[in-house]
Amino acid sequence: MTASTTLRDVIGLDGRLPRLADATLIMIDFQNTYRTGVMELDGAEAALTAAARLLAAARAAGTPVVHIVNDGGEGTPYDIRARIGAVCDEVAPAEGERVVVKRFPDSFHDTVLEETLRELGAGPDLVLAGFMTHMCVTFTAQGAFNLGYRPTVVAEATATRSLVAPDGTLLPAAALQAASLTTVTDLFGTVAPTVNDLVRG
């Protein structure tokens, strides 16, 4: 079996990774709900550790940072008024960092994210990390691409969960993770395997 040519290659889009210092970092849904209970993700803790390193590197480089939080409403696993929906302490917003509230997987849909990026003077390169890879990370990458941005997902700073496939079989989180990141690299953006891939040089 041979691999097909990606849509990015067919169209002629740039496949080079950005430098973190030249981009804007978007931290997507790093909320406590993904660490325990019904929404617990496979690899959440490792991804969170990587995300903390990414955030520290961005702050050291003077990279603008925007935090996204999903608000599912009071009493839900995404209740941002409760501890379960709060941003994890390891990557909590610092004073002056913007926080954008969303209610859909695409962080640009019906939010002030695009306006916020304009206010920050963000260039075309956006670095994305967060939960869940197959849902809000992928759809935010698509939303960024649709608006003319160049998104890059940091693979080690994302995680997802195992789900039942339409044929009734179990789709392991690792397979869904790989499929999601491949979807991104086929068209919407690039994928940096690790944080170090964006901070070298």
Protein backbone atom coordinates (compact mmCIF):
# COMPACT_ATOMS: atom_id res chain seq x y z
CA MET A 1 0.00 0.00 0.00
CA THR A 2 1.35 3.41 -0.95
CA ALA A 3 0.40 6.72 0.66
CA SER A 4 -1.65 9.22 -1.31
CA THR A 5 -0.38 12.71 -1.96
CA THR A 6 -1.70 15.13 0.65
CA LEU A 7 -4.08 17.87 -0.36
CA ARG A 8 -1.51 20.34 0.95
CA ASP A 9 1.06 19.03 -1.52
CA VAL A 10 -1.47 19.02 -4.35
CA ILE A 11 -2.34 22.66 -3.69
CA GLY A 12 1.26 23.64 -2.99
CA LEU A 13 0.93 24.80 0.60
CA ASP A 14 4.00 25.35 2.75
CA GLY A 15 4.82 22.42 5.00
CA ARG A 16 7.50 24.08 7.12
CA LEU A 17 6.93 24.42 10.86
CA PRO A 18 6.84 27.94 12.32
CA ARG A 19 9.03 29.21 15.13
CA LEU A 20 7.07 29.56 18.33
CA ALA A 21 8.52 33.04 18.79
CA ASP A 22 6.92 34.12 15.49
CA ALA A 23 3.47 32.66 16.17
CA THR A 24 0.50 33.02 18.50
CA LEU A 25 -0.22 30.17 20.90
CA ILE A 26 -3.80 28.97 21.35
CA MET A 27 -4.39 26.68 24.33
CA ILE A 28 -7.64 24.80 23.75
CA ASP A 29 -9.85 23.42 26.53
CA PHE A 30 -7.17 22.39 29.01
CA GLN A 31 -9.95 21.90 31.56
CA ASN A 32 -10.08 19.63 34.61
CA THR A 33 -12.98 17.62 33.19
CA TYR A 34 -10.55 15.78 30.91
CA ARG A 35 -8.47 14.43 33.80
CA THR A 36 -11.15 12.38 35.57
CA GLY A 37 -14.64 10.96 35.26
CA VAL A 38 -16.74 10.54 32.15
CA MET A 39 -14.50 12.75 29.95
CA GLU A 40 -11.10 11.44 31.10
CA LEU A 41 -8.67 11.22 28.19
CA ASP A 42 -5.98 8.66 27.48
CA GLY A 43 -2.64 10.42 27.89
CA ALA A 44 -4.12 13.56 29.39
CA GLU A 45 -1.41 13.94 32.02
CA ALA A 46 1.47 13.52 29.57
CA ALA A 47 -0.17 16.00 27.20
CA LEU A 48 -0.68 18.46 30.02
CA THR A 49 2.99 18.21 31.01
CA ALA A 50 3.98 18.95 27.42
CA ALA A 51 1.49 21.80 27.27
CA ALA A 52 3.01 23.36 30.37
CA ARG A 53 6.44 23.26 28.70
CA LEU A 54 4.95 24.77 25.55
CA LEU A 55 3.28 27.55 27.51
CA ALA A 56 6.47 28.33 29.43
CA ALA A 57 8.45 28.48 26.19
CA ALA A 58 5.87 30.80 24.63
CA ARG A 59 5.94 33.14 27.60
CA ALA A 60 9.75 33.18 27.58
CA ALA A 61 9.73 34.03 23.87
CA GLY A 62 7.16 36.80 24.25
CA THR A 63 4.66 34.85 22.15
CA PRO A 64 1.04 36.02 22.55
CA VAL A 65 -1.12 33.42 24.30
CA VAL A 66 -4.87 32.90 24.06
CA HIS A 67 -6.66 30.39 26.29
CA ILE A 68 -9.89 28.78 25.09
CA VAL A 69 -12.44 27.31 27.50
CA ASN A 70 -15.57 25.39 26.60
CA ASP A 71 -18.66 26.35 28.59
CA GLY A 72 -21.29 23.63 28.61
CA GLY A 73 -23.46 25.31 31.18
CA GLU A 74 -24.08 25.03 34.88
CA GLY A 75 -23.94 21.50 36.26
CA THR A 76 -22.31 19.97 33.16
CA PRO A 77 -18.81 18.45 32.89
CA TYR A 78 -17.89 21.73 31.19
CA ASP A 79 -19.21 24.12 33.83
CA ILE A 80 -16.60 26.89 33.86
CA ARG A 81 -18.08 28.23 37.10
CA ALA A 82 -17.05 25.00 38.87
CA ARG A 83 -13.72 23.30 39.49
CA ILE A 84 -14.50 20.60 36.90
CA GLY A 85 -14.62 23.16 34.08
CA ALA A 86 -11.72 25.32 35.23
CA VAL A 87 -8.43 25.47 33.37
CA CYS A 88 -5.88 23.03 34.81
CA ASP A 89 -3.56 24.70 37.29
CA GLU A 90 -0.45 23.69 35.32
CA VAL A 91 -1.49 25.86 32.36
CA ALA A 92 -3.70 28.46 34.03
CA PRO A 93 -3.82 31.85 32.30
CA ALA A 94 -1.35 34.43 33.56
CA GLU A 95 -2.32 38.01 34.19
CA GLY A 96 -2.92 39.77 30.89
CA GLU A 97 -3.40 36.61 28.81
CA ARG A 98 -6.67 36.52 26.92
CA VAL A 99 -9.37 33.95 27.67
CA VAL A 100 -12.03 33.18 25.05
CA VAL A 101 -15.18 31.23 25.93
CA LYS A 102 -16.70 28.94 23.31
CA ARG A 103 -19.63 26.55 23.01
CA PHE A 104 -18.77 24.76 19.77
CA PRO A 105 -15.78 22.58 18.74
CA ASP A 106 -14.41 25.27 16.40
CA SER A 107 -12.93 27.92 18.68
CA PHE A 108 -13.63 30.57 16.03
CA HIS A 109 -17.35 29.81 15.73
CA ASP A 110 -19.54 32.35 17.52
CA THR A 111 -16.64 33.62 19.68
CA VAL A 112 -14.39 36.65 19.86
CA LEU A 113 -11.26 34.65 18.95
CA GLU A 114 -10.73 36.20 15.54
CA GLU A 115 -11.25 39.69 16.98
CA THR A 116 -8.84 38.86 19.80
CA LEU A 117 -6.16 37.74 17.36
CA ARG A 118 -6.53 40.98 15.41
CA GLU A 119 -6.18 42.98 18.63
CA LEU A 120 -3.01 41.05 19.46
CA GLY A 121 -1.58 41.73 16.01
CA ALA A 122 -1.31 38.01 15.35
CA GLY A 123 0.37 36.98 12.14
CA PRO A 124 -0.70 34.04 10.06
CA ASP A 125 1.02 31.37 12.19
CA LEU A 126 -1.01 29.88 15.03
CA VAL A 127 0.26 27.10 17.30
CA LEU A 128 -2.50 24.91 18.73
CA ALA A 129 -2.48 22.56 21.70
CA GLY A 130 -5.30 21.12 23.73
CA PHE A 131 -8.12 18.67 24.33
CA MET A 132 -9.61 16.78 22.50
CA THR A 133 -7.48 16.06 19.44
CA HIS A 134 -10.28 14.62 17.31
CA MET A 135 -12.78 17.29 18.23
CA CYS A 136 -11.91 20.84 19.31
CA VAL A 137 -8.26 20.77 18.22
CA THR A 138 -9.01 19.48 14.72
CA PHE A 139 -12.03 21.71 14.20
CA THR A 140 -10.17 24.78 15.45
CA ALA A 141 -7.38 23.97 12.99
CA GLN A 142 -9.99 23.81 10.25
CA GLY A 143 -11.53 27.09 11.40
CA ALA A 144 -8.13 28.77 11.39
CA PHE A 145 -7.37 27.43 7.92
CA ASN A 146 -10.73 28.65 6.61
CA LEU A 147 -9.89 32.16 7.83
CA GLY A 148 -6.47 32.22 6.18
CA TYR A 149 -4.30 31.38 9.18
CA ARG A 150 -1.54 28.75 9.16
CA PRO A 151 -2.24 26.46 12.12
CA THR A 152 0.29 24.03 13.58
CA VAL A 153 -0.80 21.41 16.12
CA VAL A 154 1.72 20.27 18.73
CA ALA A 155 1.04 16.53 18.84
CA GLU A 156 2.52 15.75 22.25
CA ALA A 157 0.40 18.51 23.81
CA THR A 158 -2.90 16.95 22.71
CA ALA A 159 -4.91 13.92 23.77
CA THR A 160 -8.19 12.16 23.06
CA ARG A 161 -10.19 9.12 24.18
CA SER A 162 -11.23 5.71 22.87
CA LEU A 163 -14.63 5.59 21.17
CA VAL A 164 -16.93 3.05 19.57
CA ALA A 165 -16.70 3.17 15.76
CA PRO A 166 -19.83 3.09 13.57
CA ASP A 167 -19.31 -0.66 12.96
CA GLY A 168 -19.42 -1.30 16.70
CA THR A 169 -15.73 -1.98 17.19
CA LEU A 170 -13.61 -0.11 19.71
CA LEU A 171 -11.42 2.56 18.18
CA PRO A 172 -8.45 3.02 20.54
CA ALA A 173 -7.47 6.55 21.52
CA ALA A 174 -4.06 6.12 19.85
CA ALA A 175 -5.71 5.30 16.52
CA LEU A 176 -8.12 8.23 16.79
CA GLN A 177 -5.23 10.50 17.76
CA ALA A 178 -3.24 9.44 14.70
CA ALA A 179 -6.24 9.81 12.40
CA SER A 180 -7.03 13.27 13.75
CA LEU A 181 -3.49 14.55 13.31
CA THR A 182 -3.39 13.05 9.82
CA THR A 183 -6.59 14.89 8.97
CA VAL A 184 -4.87 18.13 9.98
CA THR A 185 -1.75 17.43 7.90
CA ASP A 186 -3.77 16.44 4.84
CA LEU A 187 -5.06 20.00 4.46
CA PHE A 188 -5.64 22.25 7.43
CA GLY A 189 -2.12 22.70 8.78
CA THR A 190 1.10 21.17 9.97
CA VAL A 191 1.85 18.99 12.99
CA ALA A 192 4.88 19.41 15.23
CA PRO A 193 5.57 16.11 17.00
CA THR A 194 7.05 17.81 20.07
CA VAL A 195 7.39 21.22 21.69
CA ASN A 196 11.11 21.21 20.87
CA ASP A 197 10.32 21.16 17.16
CA LEU A 198 9.05 24.74 17.48
CA VAL A 199 11.62 26.24 19.82
CA ARG A 200 14.88 25.22 18.18
CA GLY A 201 16.94 27.72 16.21
